[in-house]
């Protein structure tokens, strides 16, 4: 899978981020820093997290979901017709990763 310029930039500027996948809500992957099978798995898990978050607040669409585990941190952000999932090192700095994700989403939206 092609790691688009915005994905490459995110990996370059964010020392905590280890993997990034950008995908459309229906699951089509548009850019990824990992192999196709891993990208599909990450996109599926991120989509499921957003769908679950949407059910928790039925009148509002979830724009962001974060999960922190001993093995790593997962950040999912939705912007318009794109979703980005980033996997970061354990103990990453959430505010910095969120900022970097907003930047990549803005770059992806501008490229559309």
N, C-alpha and C. Protein backbone atom coordinates (compact mmCIF):
# COMPACT_ATOMS: atom_id res chain seq x y z
N UNK A 1 0.85 -1.18 0.00
CA UNK A 1 0.00 0.00 0.00
C UNK A 1 0.89 1.23 0.00
N UNK A 2 0.51 2.23 -0.77
CA UNK A 2 1.25 3.48 -0.86
C UNK A 2 1.08 4.28 0.43
N UNK A 3 2.19 4.73 0.97
CA UNK A 3 2.13 5.64 2.10
C UNK A 3 2.18 7.04 1.52
N UNK A 4 1.02 7.66 1.37
CA UNK A 4 0.92 8.98 0.76
C UNK A 4 1.78 10.00 1.46
N UNK A 5 1.97 11.16 0.82
CA UNK A 5 2.82 12.20 1.39
C UNK A 5 2.42 12.62 2.80
N UNK A 6 1.13 12.73 3.07
CA UNK A 6 0.69 13.13 4.41
C UNK A 6 1.04 12.07 5.44
N UNK A 7 0.91 10.80 5.07
CA UNK A 7 1.27 9.70 5.98
C UNK A 7 2.77 9.72 6.24
N UNK A 8 3.56 9.89 5.20
CA UNK A 8 5.01 9.96 5.37
C UNK A 8 5.40 11.12 6.27
N UNK A 9 4.74 12.25 6.09
CA UNK A 9 5.02 13.42 6.92
C UNK A 9 4.68 13.15 8.38
N UNK A 10 3.54 12.49 8.63
CA UNK A 10 3.16 12.17 10.00
C UNK A 10 4.21 11.27 10.66
N UNK A 11 4.65 10.25 9.94
CA UNK A 11 5.67 9.36 10.50
C UNK A 11 6.97 10.10 10.75
N UNK A 12 7.26 11.09 9.92
CA UNK A 12 8.49 11.85 10.07
C UNK A 12 8.44 12.80 11.27
N UNK A 13 7.30 13.49 11.44
CA UNK A 13 7.23 14.52 12.50
C UNK A 13 6.86 13.95 13.86
N UNK A 14 6.20 12.82 13.90
CA UNK A 14 5.75 12.28 15.17
C UNK A 14 6.61 11.07 15.54
N UNK A 15 7.49 11.26 16.50
CA UNK A 15 8.38 10.17 16.87
C UNK A 15 7.67 9.03 17.59
N UNK A 16 6.45 9.27 18.11
CA UNK A 16 5.70 8.23 18.80
C UNK A 16 4.94 7.32 17.84
N UNK A 17 4.52 7.84 16.68
CA UNK A 17 3.66 7.08 15.77
C UNK A 17 4.48 6.03 15.02
N UNK A 18 3.95 4.79 15.04
CA UNK A 18 4.63 3.65 14.41
C UNK A 18 3.95 3.18 13.12
N UNK A 19 2.65 3.41 13.01
CA UNK A 19 1.90 2.96 11.83
C UNK A 19 0.72 3.89 11.62
N UNK A 20 0.36 4.10 10.34
CA UNK A 20 -0.76 4.98 10.00
C UNK A 20 -1.53 4.36 8.84
N UNK A 21 -2.86 4.44 8.93
CA UNK A 21 -3.73 4.00 7.84
C UNK A 21 -4.79 5.07 7.66
N UNK A 22 -5.00 5.48 6.41
CA UNK A 22 -6.07 6.42 6.07
C UNK A 22 -7.06 5.65 5.21
N UNK A 23 -8.35 5.73 5.56
CA UNK A 23 -9.35 4.98 4.81
C UNK A 23 -10.66 5.72 4.75
N UNK A 24 -11.48 5.32 3.77
CA UNK A 24 -12.81 5.88 3.58
C UNK A 24 -13.77 5.14 4.52
N UNK A 25 -14.90 5.75 4.88
CA UNK A 25 -15.83 5.11 5.82
C UNK A 25 -16.29 3.72 5.39
N UNK A 26 -16.38 3.47 4.09
CA UNK A 26 -16.80 2.14 3.64
C UNK A 26 -15.66 1.13 3.66
N UNK A 27 -14.46 1.57 4.06
CA UNK A 27 -13.35 0.65 4.25
C UNK A 27 -12.24 0.72 3.22
N UNK A 28 -12.42 1.46 2.13
CA UNK A 28 -11.37 1.55 1.11
C UNK A 28 -10.16 2.29 1.67
N UNK A 29 -9.01 1.65 1.63
CA UNK A 29 -7.78 2.23 2.17
C UNK A 29 -7.17 3.13 1.11
N UNK A 30 -6.87 4.37 1.48
CA UNK A 30 -6.31 5.32 0.53
C UNK A 30 -4.81 5.53 0.73
N UNK A 31 -4.31 5.26 1.91
CA UNK A 31 -2.87 5.37 2.18
C UNK A 31 -2.56 4.59 3.45
N UNK A 32 -1.36 4.03 3.49
CA UNK A 32 -0.97 3.27 4.68
C UNK A 32 0.54 3.14 4.73
N UNK A 33 1.04 3.04 5.94
CA UNK A 33 2.47 2.85 6.14
C UNK A 33 2.81 1.39 6.41
N UNK A 34 1.81 0.53 6.35
CA UNK A 34 1.99 -0.90 6.62
C UNK A 34 1.47 -1.71 5.44
N UNK A 35 1.75 -3.00 5.44
CA UNK A 35 1.31 -3.88 4.37
C UNK A 35 -0.21 -3.95 4.30
N UNK A 36 -0.72 -4.35 3.14
CA UNK A 36 -2.16 -4.35 2.88
C UNK A 36 -2.98 -5.11 3.92
N UNK A 37 -2.53 -6.31 4.32
CA UNK A 37 -3.32 -7.10 5.27
C UNK A 37 -3.37 -6.44 6.64
N UNK A 38 -2.27 -5.87 7.08
CA UNK A 38 -2.26 -5.17 8.37
C UNK A 38 -3.07 -3.88 8.28
N UNK A 39 -3.00 -3.18 7.14
CA UNK A 39 -3.77 -1.96 6.94
C UNK A 39 -5.27 -2.27 7.01
N UNK A 40 -5.68 -3.36 6.37
CA UNK A 40 -7.10 -3.74 6.39
C UNK A 40 -7.55 -4.08 7.81
N UNK A 41 -6.69 -4.76 8.55
CA UNK A 41 -7.03 -5.12 9.94
C UNK A 41 -7.16 -3.86 10.81
N UNK A 42 -6.23 -2.93 10.66
CA UNK A 42 -6.30 -1.68 11.44
C UNK A 42 -7.52 -0.86 11.05
N UNK A 43 -7.82 -0.78 9.76
CA UNK A 43 -9.00 -0.03 9.31
C UNK A 43 -10.28 -0.66 9.85
N UNK A 44 -10.36 -1.98 9.84
CA UNK A 44 -11.54 -2.67 10.38
C UNK A 44 -11.73 -2.41 11.86
N UNK A 45 -10.64 -2.48 12.62
CA UNK A 45 -10.73 -2.24 14.06
C UNK A 45 -11.09 -0.78 14.35
N UNK A 46 -10.50 0.14 13.60
CA UNK A 46 -10.80 1.56 13.79
C UNK A 46 -12.25 1.86 13.44
N UNK A 47 -12.73 1.28 12.35
CA UNK A 47 -14.13 1.47 11.97
C UNK A 47 -15.07 0.94 13.03
N UNK A 48 -14.73 -0.21 13.61
CA UNK A 48 -15.56 -0.79 14.67
C UNK A 48 -15.56 0.10 15.92
N UNK A 49 -14.41 0.67 16.25
CA UNK A 49 -14.34 1.59 17.40
C UNK A 49 -15.23 2.80 17.18
N UNK A 50 -15.17 3.38 15.98
CA UNK A 50 -16.02 4.54 15.70
C UNK A 50 -17.50 4.18 15.71
N UNK A 51 -17.84 3.03 15.16
CA UNK A 51 -19.25 2.60 15.14
C UNK A 51 -19.77 2.40 16.56
N UNK A 52 -18.96 1.82 17.41
CA UNK A 52 -19.36 1.63 18.81
C UNK A 52 -19.51 2.98 19.51
N UNK A 53 -18.57 3.89 19.26
CA UNK A 53 -18.67 5.22 19.87
C UNK A 53 -19.91 5.95 19.37
N UNK A 54 -20.26 5.78 18.10
CA UNK A 54 -21.47 6.41 17.55
C UNK A 54 -22.72 5.90 18.26
N UNK A 55 -22.74 4.61 18.60
CA UNK A 55 -23.90 4.03 19.28
C UNK A 55 -24.06 4.57 20.70
N UNK A 56 -22.95 4.92 21.32
CA UNK A 56 -23.00 5.44 22.68
C UNK A 56 -23.63 6.83 22.74
N UNK A 57 -23.52 7.58 21.66
CA UNK A 57 -24.10 8.92 21.58
C UNK A 57 -24.84 9.02 20.25
N UNK A 58 -26.05 8.46 20.18
CA UNK A 58 -26.75 8.31 18.91
C UNK A 58 -27.04 9.61 18.17
N UNK A 59 -27.06 10.72 18.83
CA UNK A 59 -27.37 11.99 18.17
C UNK A 59 -26.13 12.73 17.68
N UNK A 60 -24.95 12.12 17.91
CA UNK A 60 -23.69 12.77 17.50
C UNK A 60 -22.74 11.75 16.91
N UNK A 61 -22.04 12.16 15.88
CA UNK A 61 -21.04 11.30 15.25
C UNK A 61 -19.72 11.44 16.02
N UNK A 62 -19.12 10.32 16.37
CA UNK A 62 -17.83 10.35 17.05
C UNK A 62 -16.77 10.82 16.06
N UNK A 63 -15.97 11.76 16.48
CA UNK A 63 -14.89 12.27 15.63
C UNK A 63 -13.53 11.72 16.01
N UNK A 64 -13.45 11.21 17.25
CA UNK A 64 -12.16 10.73 17.74
C UNK A 64 -12.37 9.65 18.78
N UNK A 65 -11.53 8.61 18.70
CA UNK A 65 -11.52 7.55 19.71
C UNK A 65 -10.05 7.25 20.00
N UNK A 66 -9.75 7.06 21.27
CA UNK A 66 -8.38 6.74 21.67
C UNK A 66 -8.40 5.55 22.61
N UNK A 67 -7.39 4.70 22.47
CA UNK A 67 -7.26 3.54 23.36
C UNK A 67 -5.79 3.41 23.75
N UNK A 68 -5.57 3.12 25.03
CA UNK A 68 -4.22 3.03 25.55
C UNK A 68 -4.02 1.65 26.18
N UNK A 69 -3.00 0.94 25.74
CA UNK A 69 -2.71 -0.39 26.26
C UNK A 69 -1.24 -0.45 26.66
N UNK A 70 -0.85 -1.47 27.40
CA UNK A 70 0.57 -1.59 27.75
C UNK A 70 1.47 -1.79 26.53
N UNK A 71 0.91 -2.30 25.42
CA UNK A 71 1.72 -2.57 24.23
C UNK A 71 1.74 -1.43 23.23
N UNK A 72 0.84 -0.47 23.36
CA UNK A 72 0.80 0.64 22.43
C UNK A 72 -0.49 1.42 22.54
N UNK A 73 -0.50 2.57 21.90
CA UNK A 73 -1.66 3.46 21.94
C UNK A 73 -2.27 3.55 20.54
N UNK A 74 -3.59 3.66 20.48
CA UNK A 74 -4.29 3.73 19.20
C UNK A 74 -5.13 5.01 19.18
N UNK A 75 -4.99 5.74 18.09
CA UNK A 75 -5.72 6.98 17.90
C UNK A 75 -6.51 6.88 16.60
N UNK A 76 -7.80 7.17 16.66
CA UNK A 76 -8.65 7.14 15.48
C UNK A 76 -9.30 8.51 15.36
N UNK A 77 -9.21 9.11 14.18
CA UNK A 77 -9.81 10.42 13.96
C UNK A 77 -10.56 10.42 12.65
N UNK A 78 -11.77 11.02 12.68
CA UNK A 78 -12.61 11.10 11.48
C UNK A 78 -12.72 12.56 11.08
N UNK A 79 -12.59 12.79 9.77
CA UNK A 79 -12.77 14.13 9.22
C UNK A 79 -13.46 13.99 7.88
N UNK A 80 -14.70 14.41 7.82
CA UNK A 80 -15.44 14.31 6.56
C UNK A 80 -15.54 12.87 6.11
N UNK A 81 -15.02 12.61 4.94
CA UNK A 81 -15.09 11.27 4.34
C UNK A 81 -13.82 10.46 4.55
N UNK A 82 -12.99 10.84 5.51
CA UNK A 82 -11.76 10.10 5.76
C UNK A 82 -11.63 9.77 7.24
N UNK A 83 -11.01 8.62 7.46
CA UNK A 83 -10.68 8.21 8.83
C UNK A 83 -9.20 7.89 8.84
N UNK A 84 -8.52 8.33 9.88
CA UNK A 84 -7.11 8.01 10.05
C UNK A 84 -6.94 7.27 11.36
N UNK A 85 -6.20 6.17 11.31
CA UNK A 85 -5.86 5.45 12.53
C UNK A 85 -4.33 5.45 12.63
N UNK A 86 -3.85 5.77 13.82
CA UNK A 86 -2.42 5.78 14.08
C UNK A 86 -2.14 4.90 15.29
N UNK A 87 -1.12 4.09 15.17
CA UNK A 87 -0.66 3.26 16.28
C UNK A 87 0.64 3.87 16.78
N UNK A 88 0.68 4.15 18.07
CA UNK A 88 1.84 4.82 18.65
C UNK A 88 2.47 3.95 19.73
N UNK A 89 3.66 4.32 20.09
CA UNK A 89 4.37 3.63 21.17
C UNK A 89 3.60 3.80 22.47
N UNK A 90 3.73 2.83 23.38
CA UNK A 90 3.07 2.97 24.68
C UNK A 90 3.56 4.25 25.37
N UNK A 91 2.63 4.92 26.02
CA UNK A 91 2.99 6.13 26.74
C UNK A 91 3.19 7.34 25.84
N UNK A 92 2.64 7.28 24.63
CA UNK A 92 2.77 8.43 23.72
C UNK A 92 2.08 9.65 24.33
N UNK A 93 2.37 10.80 23.79
CA UNK A 93 1.79 12.04 24.29
C UNK A 93 0.52 12.34 23.50
N UNK A 94 -0.66 12.12 24.10
CA UNK A 94 -1.91 12.25 23.35
C UNK A 94 -2.10 13.59 22.65
N UNK A 95 -1.79 14.69 23.32
CA UNK A 95 -2.01 16.00 22.70
C UNK A 95 -1.18 16.15 21.43
N UNK A 96 0.04 15.67 21.44
CA UNK A 96 0.90 15.78 20.26
C UNK A 96 0.41 14.88 19.13
N UNK A 97 0.02 13.66 19.45
CA UNK A 97 -0.46 12.75 18.42
C UNK A 97 -1.77 13.28 17.84
N UNK A 98 -2.67 13.79 18.68
CA UNK A 98 -3.92 14.38 18.18
C UNK A 98 -3.64 15.54 17.23
N UNK A 99 -2.70 16.39 17.59
CA UNK A 99 -2.32 17.51 16.72
C UNK A 99 -1.81 17.00 15.38
N UNK A 100 -0.94 16.01 15.42
CA UNK A 100 -0.39 15.46 14.19
C UNK A 100 -1.47 14.81 13.33
N UNK A 101 -2.44 14.14 13.96
CA UNK A 101 -3.55 13.54 13.21
C UNK A 101 -4.42 14.62 12.58
N UNK A 102 -4.69 15.69 13.30
CA UNK A 102 -5.48 16.79 12.71
C UNK A 102 -4.76 17.34 11.48
N UNK A 103 -3.44 17.44 11.56
CA UNK A 103 -2.65 17.96 10.45
C UNK A 103 -2.76 17.05 9.24
N UNK A 104 -2.61 15.74 9.43
CA UNK A 104 -2.69 14.81 8.30
C UNK A 104 -4.09 14.81 7.69
N UNK A 105 -5.12 14.89 8.52
CA UNK A 105 -6.48 14.93 8.00
C UNK A 105 -6.71 16.20 7.19
N UNK A 106 -6.19 17.32 7.65
CA UNK A 106 -6.33 18.58 6.91
C UNK A 106 -5.60 18.50 5.57
N UNK A 107 -4.42 17.88 5.56
CA UNK A 107 -3.67 17.73 4.31
C UNK A 107 -4.40 16.81 3.35
N UNK A 108 -4.98 15.73 3.87
CA UNK A 108 -5.74 14.80 3.03
C UNK A 108 -6.97 15.51 2.46
N UNK A 109 -7.68 16.30 3.28
CA UNK A 109 -8.86 17.01 2.81
C UNK A 109 -8.49 18.04 1.74
N UNK A 110 -7.36 18.72 1.92
CA UNK A 110 -6.93 19.72 0.95
C UNK A 110 -6.54 19.08 -0.37
N UNK A 111 -6.03 17.85 -0.32
CA UNK A 111 -5.61 17.15 -1.54
C UNK A 111 -6.80 16.62 -2.33
N UNK A 112 -7.97 16.54 -1.71
CA UNK A 112 -9.16 16.00 -2.38
C UNK A 112 -9.74 16.99 -3.35
